[in-house]
Amino acid sequence: ESMKTYNAVTAEVSGKVVEICFENGASVDEDDILVKLQ
């Protein structure tokens, strides 16, 4: 099993999360959209 890494994510603006674009535990790549803010 590969090593799991968790990183804090910050936003440059305040807002409300209106959509989470990945399932919990999914692998993501650089520049993937993780959440959509309103």
N, C-alpha and C. Protein backbone atom coordinates (compact mmCIF):
# COMPACT_ATOMS: atom_id res chain seq x y z
N GLU A 1 0.86 -1.19 0.00
CA GLU A 1 0.00 0.00 0.00
C GLU A 1 0.89 1.24 0.00
N SER A 2 0.50 2.22 -0.77
CA SER A 2 1.29 3.45 -0.83
C SER A 2 1.09 4.29 0.43
N MET A 3 2.06 5.13 0.70
CA MET A 3 2.00 6.01 1.85
C MET A 3 0.97 7.11 1.60
N LYS A 4 0.09 7.31 2.54
CA LYS A 4 -0.95 8.34 2.40
C LYS A 4 -0.41 9.66 2.95
N THR A 5 -0.64 10.74 2.22
CA THR A 5 -0.19 12.06 2.64
C THR A 5 -1.38 12.99 2.68
N TYR A 6 -1.49 13.74 3.77
CA TYR A 6 -2.56 14.72 3.92
C TYR A 6 -1.93 16.09 4.08
N ASN A 7 -2.45 17.07 3.37
CA ASN A 7 -1.92 18.43 3.43
C ASN A 7 -3.05 19.41 3.69
N ALA A 8 -2.75 20.44 4.47
CA ALA A 8 -3.72 21.51 4.69
C ALA A 8 -3.91 22.29 3.39
N VAL A 9 -5.13 22.74 3.16
CA VAL A 9 -5.44 23.52 1.96
C VAL A 9 -5.97 24.87 2.42
N THR A 10 -5.41 25.94 1.87
CA THR A 10 -5.88 27.29 2.20
C THR A 10 -6.37 27.99 0.94
N ALA A 11 -7.22 28.98 1.15
CA ALA A 11 -7.75 29.76 0.03
C ALA A 11 -7.27 31.20 0.16
N GLU A 12 -7.13 31.86 -0.97
CA GLU A 12 -6.69 33.26 -0.97
C GLU A 12 -7.83 34.22 -0.69
N VAL A 13 -9.08 33.73 -0.74
CA VAL A 13 -10.25 34.57 -0.48
C VAL A 13 -11.18 33.81 0.46
N SER A 14 -12.05 34.56 1.15
CA SER A 14 -13.03 33.90 2.00
C SER A 14 -14.23 33.49 1.16
N GLY A 15 -14.99 32.54 1.63
CA GLY A 15 -16.17 32.09 0.90
C GLY A 15 -16.76 30.86 1.53
N LYS A 16 -17.78 30.35 0.89
CA LYS A 16 -18.50 29.17 1.35
C LYS A 16 -18.24 28.04 0.36
N VAL A 17 -17.88 26.85 0.86
CA VAL A 17 -17.67 25.70 -0.01
C VAL A 17 -19.04 25.24 -0.51
N VAL A 18 -19.21 25.22 -1.84
CA VAL A 18 -20.49 24.80 -2.43
C VAL A 18 -20.38 23.45 -3.12
N GLU A 19 -19.16 22.98 -3.37
CA GLU A 19 -18.98 21.65 -3.98
C GLU A 19 -17.59 21.12 -3.65
N ILE A 20 -17.53 19.85 -3.28
CA ILE A 20 -16.27 19.14 -3.09
C ILE A 20 -16.10 18.25 -4.31
N CYS A 21 -15.00 18.39 -5.02
CA CYS A 21 -14.84 17.77 -6.34
C CYS A 21 -14.20 16.38 -6.32
N PHE A 22 -13.79 15.88 -5.16
CA PHE A 22 -13.18 14.56 -5.06
C PHE A 22 -13.77 13.80 -3.89
N GLU A 23 -13.77 12.48 -3.98
CA GLU A 23 -14.18 11.63 -2.87
C GLU A 23 -13.07 11.62 -1.82
N ASN A 24 -13.43 11.40 -0.56
CA ASN A 24 -12.47 11.30 0.52
C ASN A 24 -11.47 10.19 0.21
N GLY A 25 -10.19 10.49 0.33
CA GLY A 25 -9.15 9.49 0.08
C GLY A 25 -8.69 9.38 -1.35
N ALA A 26 -9.30 10.13 -2.27
CA ALA A 26 -8.92 10.07 -3.68
C ALA A 26 -7.56 10.72 -3.90
N SER A 27 -6.83 10.24 -4.88
CA SER A 27 -5.56 10.86 -5.26
C SER A 27 -5.85 12.07 -6.14
N VAL A 28 -5.08 13.13 -5.94
CA VAL A 28 -5.25 14.34 -6.75
C VAL A 28 -3.89 14.75 -7.30
N ASP A 29 -3.93 15.50 -8.38
CA ASP A 29 -2.72 16.00 -9.01
C ASP A 29 -2.62 17.51 -8.82
N GLU A 30 -1.43 18.04 -9.03
CA GLU A 30 -1.22 19.48 -8.96
C GLU A 30 -2.16 20.17 -9.94
N ASP A 31 -2.74 21.28 -9.51
CA ASP A 31 -3.67 22.11 -10.29
C ASP A 31 -5.07 21.52 -10.42
N ASP A 32 -5.37 20.37 -9.79
CA ASP A 32 -6.74 19.87 -9.78
C ASP A 32 -7.61 20.81 -8.95
N ILE A 33 -8.84 20.98 -9.34
CA ILE A 33 -9.80 21.77 -8.56
C ILE A 33 -10.33 20.86 -7.46
N LEU A 34 -10.11 21.24 -6.21
CA LEU A 34 -10.52 20.41 -5.08
C LEU A 34 -11.91 20.77 -4.60
N VAL A 35 -12.19 22.07 -4.48
CA VAL A 35 -13.49 22.54 -4.02
C VAL A 35 -13.89 23.75 -4.85
N LYS A 36 -15.19 24.02 -4.87
CA LYS A 36 -15.70 25.24 -5.51
C LYS A 36 -16.26 26.13 -4.42
N LEU A 37 -15.89 27.40 -4.48
CA LEU A 37 -16.32 28.38 -3.48
C LEU A 37 -17.34 29.33 -4.07
N GLN A 38 -18.20 29.84 -3.19
CA GLN A 38 -19.17 30.85 -3.58
C GLN A 38 -18.86 32.12 -2.84
